Amino acid sequence: MAAASSYAMQSSILACPVTNISNRCRVNQFGIPSPRRKASLVVRSMAEEEQAPNPVTPPAPSQRVSSKLIDILAFSGAAPERINGRLAMIGFVVALAMEVTKGEGVFVQISNGGITWFLGTSVILSLASLVPLLRGVSVESKSKAFMSSDAELWNGRFAMLGLVALAFTEYIKGSTSTLV
């Protein structure tokens, strides 16, 4: 009986790639016969009894920021982009207002005494922006839903781009006014 089963297995293995008569085997990509299997894989898992949940809670972020001037004015500190953004927002609105009312472009405004106004505004706004930061108050702690600190940063970024666009347009056009 063992000889009969051995003969049947050998004939199915040898017959499969050459004649494809046997339905019991398949040929893989290398031409080697592989017998069909009717087994299925069943995976079962069981939870361990009465496991106590172990939640990992991250430490609460501190609302106080460093009040050292060197940390505040660092490249990644709280002050540089915020102060520049605030100055750009005021500068963009003033530049547009002066251009609409007087017909003067950005370069004409700067040459007609704009440097003095710019320096005065820069000093006052920079000091006003630094006082809360030097006291350790974070900008995010005073942020509301609509008037958030992220909205202020984005508005400042767009105002910086707007000022550059006004100056670039005036330079390309070659005129003193871009809106008139």
C-alpha atoms as a PDB file:
ATOM      1  CA  MET A   1       0.000   0.000   0.000  1.00  0.00           C
ATOM      2  CA  ALA A   2       2.859   2.299   0.746  1.00  0.00           C
ATOM      3  CA  ALA A   3       4.266   1.598  -2.684  1.00  0.00           C
ATOM      4  CA  ALA A   4       0.953   2.521  -4.323  1.00  0.00           C
ATOM      5  CA  SER A   5       0.723   5.859  -2.507  1.00  0.00           C
ATOM      6  CA  SER A   6       4.358   6.630  -3.265  1.00  0.00           C
ATOM      7  CA  TYR A   7       3.759   5.835  -6.940  1.00  0.00           C
ATOM      8  CA  ALA A   8       0.642   8.067  -7.025  1.00  0.00           C
ATOM      9  CA  MET A   9       2.545  10.988  -5.494  1.00  0.00           C
ATOM     10  CA  GLN A  10       5.472  10.630  -7.867  1.00  0.00           C
ATOM     11  CA  SER A  11       3.237  10.427 -10.898  1.00  0.00           C
ATOM     12  CA  SER A  12       1.269  13.523  -9.875  1.00  0.00           C
ATOM     13  CA  ILE A  13       4.442  15.524  -9.282  1.00  0.00           C
ATOM     14  CA  LEU A  14       6.092  14.439 -12.498  1.00  0.00           C
ATOM     15  CA  ALA A  15       2.936  14.619 -14.612  1.00  0.00           C
ATOM     16  CA  CYS A  16       1.864  18.065 -13.496  1.00  0.00           C
ATOM     17  CA  PRO A  17       4.381  20.421 -15.175  1.00  0.00           C
ATOM     18  CA  VAL A  18       4.684  18.380 -18.358  1.00  0.00           C
ATOM     19  CA  THR A  19       1.138  17.317 -19.188  1.00  0.00           C
ATOM     20  CA  ASN A  20      -1.030  19.354 -16.784  1.00  0.00           C
ATOM     21  CA  ILE A  21      -3.324  16.331 -16.493  1.00  0.00           C
ATOM     22  CA  SER A  22      -3.489  16.261 -12.722  1.00  0.00           C
ATOM     23  CA  ASN A  23      -5.744  18.788 -10.996  1.00  0.00           C
ATOM     24  CA  ARG A  24      -4.083  18.256  -7.649  1.00  0.00           C
ATOM     25  CA  CYS A  25      -1.076  20.495  -8.221  1.00  0.00           C
ATOM     26  CA  ARG A  26      -0.198  23.902  -9.555  1.00  0.00           C
ATOM     27  CA  VAL A  27       3.003  25.167 -11.099  1.00  0.00           C
ATOM     28  CA  ASN A  28       4.603  28.168  -9.461  1.00  0.00           C
ATOM     29  CA  GLN A  29       6.542  30.887 -11.296  1.00  0.00           C
ATOM     30  CA  PHE A  30       9.673  28.725 -11.434  1.00  0.00           C
ATOM     31  CA  GLY A  31       7.961  25.706 -12.990  1.00  0.00           C
ATOM     32  CA  ILE A  32       8.072  23.701  -9.769  1.00  0.00           C
ATOM     33  CA  PRO A  33       4.840  21.913  -8.929  1.00  0.00           C
ATOM     34  CA  SER A  34       3.189  22.789  -5.647  1.00  0.00           C
ATOM     35  CA  PRO A  35       0.301  20.651  -4.370  1.00  0.00           C
ATOM     36  CA  ARG A  36      -3.013  22.332  -3.571  1.00  0.00           C
ATOM     37  CA  ARG A  37      -3.854  22.694   0.043  1.00  0.00           C
ATOM     38  CA  LYS A  38      -7.349  22.867   1.370  1.00  0.00           C
ATOM     39  CA  ALA A  39      -6.294  24.083   4.760  1.00  0.00           C
ATOM     40  CA  SER A  40      -7.362  27.483   5.951  1.00  0.00           C
ATOM     41  CA  LEU A  41      -5.650  29.629   8.496  1.00  0.00           C
ATOM     42  CA  VAL A  42      -7.675  30.549  11.549  1.00  0.00           C
ATOM     43  CA  VAL A  43      -6.315  32.991  14.083  1.00  0.00           C
ATOM     44  CA  ARG A  44      -7.959  33.291  17.438  1.00  0.00           C
ATOM     45  CA  SER A  45      -7.022  35.539  20.284  1.00  0.00           C
ATOM     46  CA  MET A  46      -8.277  35.980  23.762  1.00  0.00           C
ATOM     47  CA  ALA A  47      -7.888  38.951  26.022  1.00  0.00           C
ATOM     48  CA  GLU A  48      -6.286  38.473  29.345  1.00  0.00           C
ATOM     49  CA  GLU A  49      -8.696  38.614  32.213  1.00  0.00           C
ATOM     50  CA  GLU A  50      -9.206  41.833  34.142  1.00  0.00           C
ATOM     51  CA  GLN A  51      -6.381  43.893  32.753  1.00  0.00           C
ATOM     52  CA  ALA A  52      -6.184  47.270  34.398  1.00  0.00           C
ATOM     53  CA  PRO A  53      -5.826  50.009  31.815  1.00  0.00           C
ATOM     54  CA  ASN A  54      -2.545  51.857  32.095  1.00  0.00           C
ATOM     55  CA  PRO A  55      -3.163  55.190  30.375  1.00  0.00           C
ATOM     56  CA  VAL A  56      -0.090  57.200  29.571  1.00  0.00           C
ATOM     57  CA  THR A  57      -0.739  60.877  30.177  1.00  0.00           C
ATOM     58  CA  PRO A  58       1.728  63.353  28.765  1.00  0.00           C
ATOM     59  CA  PRO A  59       2.908  66.091  31.072  1.00  0.00           C
ATOM     60  CA  ALA A  60       0.883  69.288  30.827  1.00  0.00           C
ATOM     61  CA  PRO A  61       2.652  71.983  28.798  1.00  0.00           C
ATOM     62  CA  SER A  62       3.745  74.963  30.777  1.00  0.00           C
ATOM     63  CA  GLN A  63       2.010  78.252  29.933  1.00  0.00           C
ATOM     64  CA  ARG A  64       4.978  80.284  31.120  1.00  0.00           C
ATOM     65  CA  VAL A  65       7.664  81.005  28.596  1.00  0.00           C
ATOM     66  CA  SER A  66      11.219  81.985  29.230  1.00  0.00           C
ATOM     67  CA  SER A  67      11.486  85.629  30.230  1.00  0.00           C
ATOM     68  CA  LYS A  68      15.128  85.971  29.252  1.00  0.00           C
ATOM     69  CA  LEU A  69      15.652  88.553  26.532  1.00  0.00           C
ATOM     70  CA  ILE A  70      18.101  86.295  24.688  1.00  0.00           C
ATOM     71  CA  ASP A  71      15.481  83.485  24.511  1.00  0.00           C
ATOM     72  CA  ILE A  72      12.690  85.818  23.429  1.00  0.00           C
ATOM     73  CA  LEU A  73      14.744  87.399  20.637  1.00  0.00           C
ATOM     74  CA  ALA A  74      16.241  84.081  19.459  1.00  0.00           C
ATOM     75  CA  PHE A  75      15.531  82.989  15.889  1.00  0.00           C
ATOM     76  CA  SER A  76      12.897  80.500  17.066  1.00  0.00           C
ATOM     77  CA  GLY A  77      11.769  82.710  19.946  1.00  0.00           C
ATOM     78  CA  ALA A  78       8.375  84.269  20.476  1.00  0.00           C
ATOM     79  CA  ALA A  79       9.231  87.834  19.453  1.00  0.00           C
ATOM     80  CA  PRO A  80      10.917  88.144  16.019  1.00  0.00           C
ATOM     81  CA  GLU A  81       8.202  86.919  13.655  1.00  0.00           C
ATOM     82  CA  ARG A  82       5.426  88.368  15.794  1.00  0.00           C
ATOM     83  CA  ILE A  83       6.985  91.847  15.971  1.00  0.00           C
ATOM     84  CA  ASN A  84       7.887  91.853  12.271  1.00  0.00           C
ATOM     85  CA  GLY A  85       4.360  90.717  11.427  1.00  0.00           C
ATOM     86  CA  ARG A  86       2.790  93.472  13.521  1.00  0.00           C
ATOM     87  CA  LEU A  87       4.993  96.090  11.887  1.00  0.00           C
ATOM     88  CA  ALA A  88       4.179  94.690   8.436  1.00  0.00           C
ATOM     89  CA  MET A  89       0.431  94.773   9.105  1.00  0.00           C
ATOM     90  CA  ILE A  90       0.568  98.435  10.123  1.00  0.00           C
ATOM     91  CA  GLY A  91       2.959  99.279   7.290  1.00  0.00           C
ATOM     92  CA  PHE A  92       0.807  97.595   4.654  1.00  0.00           C
ATOM     93  CA  VAL A  93      -2.370  99.364   5.755  1.00  0.00           C
ATOM     94  CA  VAL A  94      -0.605 102.749   5.957  1.00  0.00           C
ATOM     95  CA  ALA A  95       1.115 102.264   2.590  1.00  0.00           C
ATOM     96  CA  LEU A  96      -2.196 101.426   0.898  1.00  0.00           C
ATOM     97  CA  ALA A  97      -4.007 104.309   2.618  1.00  0.00           C
ATOM     98  CA  MET A  98      -1.348 106.846   1.615  1.00  0.00           C
ATOM     99  CA  GLU A  99      -1.291 105.546  -1.936  1.00  0.00           C
ATOM    100  CA  VAL A 100      -5.058 105.833  -2.261  1.00  0.00           C
ATOM    101  CA  THR A 101      -5.356 109.264  -0.597  1.00  0.00           C
ATOM    102  CA  LYS A 102      -2.222 111.050  -1.882  1.00  0.00           C
ATOM    103  CA  GLY A 103      -1.336 108.905  -4.889  1.00  0.00           C
ATOM    104  CA  GLU A 104       2.203 108.278  -3.607  1.00  0.00           C
ATOM    105  CA  GLY A 105       3.846 104.910  -4.045  1.00  0.00           C
ATOM    106  CA  VAL A 106       5.903 103.102  -1.407  1.00  0.00           C
ATOM    107  CA  PHE A 107       9.272 104.504  -2.507  1.00  0.00           C
ATOM    108  CA  VAL A 108       7.944 108.084  -2.596  1.00  0.00           C
ATOM    109  CA  GLN A 109       6.456 107.630   0.869  1.00  0.00           C
ATOM    110  CA  ILE A 110       9.793 106.432   2.216  1.00  0.00           C
ATOM    111  CA  SER A 111      11.729 109.313   0.607  1.00  0.00           C
ATOM    112  CA  ASN A 112       9.242 111.929   1.911  1.00  0.00           C
ATOM    113  CA  GLY A 113       9.917 111.284   5.602  1.00  0.00           C
ATOM    114  CA  GLY A 114       8.698 107.712   5.867  1.00  0.00           C
ATOM    115  CA  ILE A 115      11.931 106.536   7.516  1.00  0.00           C
ATOM    116  CA  THR A 116      11.268 108.668  10.609  1.00  0.00           C
ATOM    117  CA  TRP A 117       7.730 107.320  10.966  1.00  0.00           C
ATOM    118  CA  PHE A 118       8.946 103.780  10.356  1.00  0.00           C
ATOM    119  CA  LEU A 119      11.658 103.968  13.041  1.00  0.00           C
ATOM    120  CA  GLY A 120       9.324 105.575  15.588  1.00  0.00           C
ATOM    121  CA  THR A 121       6.592 102.992  15.004  1.00  0.00           C
ATOM    122  CA  SER A 122       9.118 100.154  15.112  1.00  0.00           C
ATOM    123  CA  VAL A 123      10.513 101.196  18.481  1.00  0.00           C
ATOM    124  CA  ILE A 124       7.104 101.730  20.094  1.00  0.00           C
ATOM    125  CA  LEU A 125       5.584  98.473  18.803  1.00  0.00           C
ATOM    126  CA  SER A 126       8.682  96.424  19.603  1.00  0.00           C
ATOM    127  CA  LEU A 127       8.743  97.645  23.194  1.00  0.00           C
ATOM    128  CA  ALA A 128       4.985  97.138  23.559  1.00  0.00           C
ATOM    129  CA  SER A 129       5.344  93.585  22.230  1.00  0.00           C
ATOM    130  CA  LEU A 130       8.316  92.733  24.440  1.00  0.00           C
ATOM    131  CA  VAL A 131       6.853  93.876  27.786  1.00  0.00           C
ATOM    132  CA  PRO A 132       4.381  90.963  28.215  1.00  0.00           C
ATOM    133  CA  LEU A 133       6.945  88.457  26.941  1.00  0.00           C
ATOM    134  CA  LEU A 134       9.552  89.692  29.435  1.00  0.00           C
ATOM    135  CA  ARG A 135       6.990  89.228  32.215  1.00  0.00           C
ATOM    136  CA  GLY A 136       6.621  85.558  31.213  1.00  0.00           C
ATOM    137  CA  VAL A 137       3.158  85.749  29.637  1.00  0.00           C
ATOM    138  CA  SER A 138       2.825  83.548  26.559  1.00  0.00           C
ATOM    139  CA  VAL A 139       0.984  84.819  23.517  1.00  0.00           C
ATOM    140  CA  GLU A 140      -1.014  81.577  23.279  1.00  0.00           C
ATOM    141  CA  SER A 141      -2.406  82.024  26.790  1.00  0.00           C
ATOM    142  CA  LYS A 142      -4.059  85.324  25.761  1.00  0.00           C
ATOM    143  CA  SER A 143      -5.322  83.934  22.471  1.00  0.00           C
ATOM    144  CA  LYS A 144      -9.071  83.766  21.820  1.00  0.00           C
ATOM    145  CA  ALA A 145     -10.929  81.630  19.255  1.00  0.00           C
ATOM    146  CA  PHE A 146     -11.301  84.254  16.516  1.00  0.00           C
ATOM    147  CA  MET A 147      -8.323  86.434  17.396  1.00  0.00           C
ATOM    148  CA  SER A 148      -5.843  83.607  17.848  1.00  0.00           C
ATOM    149  CA  SER A 149      -2.076  83.854  17.903  1.00  0.00           C
ATOM    150  CA  ASP A 150      -1.901  81.686  14.767  1.00  0.00           C
ATOM    151  CA  ALA A 151      -4.210  84.105  12.925  1.00  0.00           C
ATOM    152  CA  GLU A 152      -1.933  86.970  13.929  1.00  0.00           C
ATOM    153  CA  LEU A 153       1.109  85.146  12.577  1.00  0.00           C
ATOM    154  CA  TRP A 154      -0.602  84.364   9.259  1.00  0.00           C
ATOM    155  CA  ASN A 155      -1.907  87.928   8.883  1.00  0.00           C
ATOM    156  CA  GLY A 156       1.604  89.218   9.533  1.00  0.00           C
ATOM    157  CA  ARG A 157       3.069  86.872   6.927  1.00  0.00           C
ATOM    158  CA  PHE A 158       0.542  87.996   4.325  1.00  0.00           C
ATOM    159  CA  ALA A 159       1.200  91.648   5.186  1.00  0.00           C
ATOM    160  CA  MET A 160       4.950  91.090   4.677  1.00  0.00           C
ATOM    161  CA  LEU A 161       4.235  89.564   1.272  1.00  0.00           C
ATOM    162  CA  GLY A 162       1.859  92.455   0.486  1.00  0.00           C
ATOM    163  CA  LEU A 163       4.510  95.073   1.236  1.00  0.00           C
ATOM    164  CA  VAL A 164       7.014  93.280  -0.963  1.00  0.00           C
ATOM    165  CA  ALA A 165       4.391  93.024  -3.730  1.00  0.00           C
ATOM    166  CA  LEU A 166       3.623  96.763  -3.497  1.00  0.00           C
ATOM    167  CA  ALA A 167       7.303  97.688  -3.728  1.00  0.00           C
ATOM    168  CA  PHE A 168       7.983  95.179  -6.518  1.00  0.00           C
ATOM    169  CA  THR A 169       4.985  96.361  -8.546  1.00  0.00           C
ATOM    170  CA  GLU A 170       6.099  99.971  -8.195  1.00  0.00           C
ATOM    171  CA  TYR A 171       9.644  99.056  -9.214  1.00  0.00           C
ATOM    172  CA  ILE A 172       8.507  97.080 -12.291  1.00  0.00           C
ATOM    173  CA  LYS A 173       5.967  99.700 -13.357  1.00  0.00           C
ATOM    174  CA  GLY A 174       8.408 102.511 -12.862  1.00  0.00           C
ATOM    175  CA  SER A 175       5.699 104.842 -11.627  1.00  0.00           C
ATOM    176  CA  THR A 176       5.204 106.482  -8.278  1.00  0.00           C
ATOM    177  CA  SER A 177       1.681 105.140  -7.840  1.00  0.00           C
ATOM    178  CA  THR A 178       0.414 101.645  -8.454  1.00  0.00           C
ATOM    179  CA  LEU A 179      -3.274 102.152  -7.673  1.00  0.00           C
ATOM    180  CA  VAL A 180      -3.971 105.442  -9.468  1.00  0.00           C
END
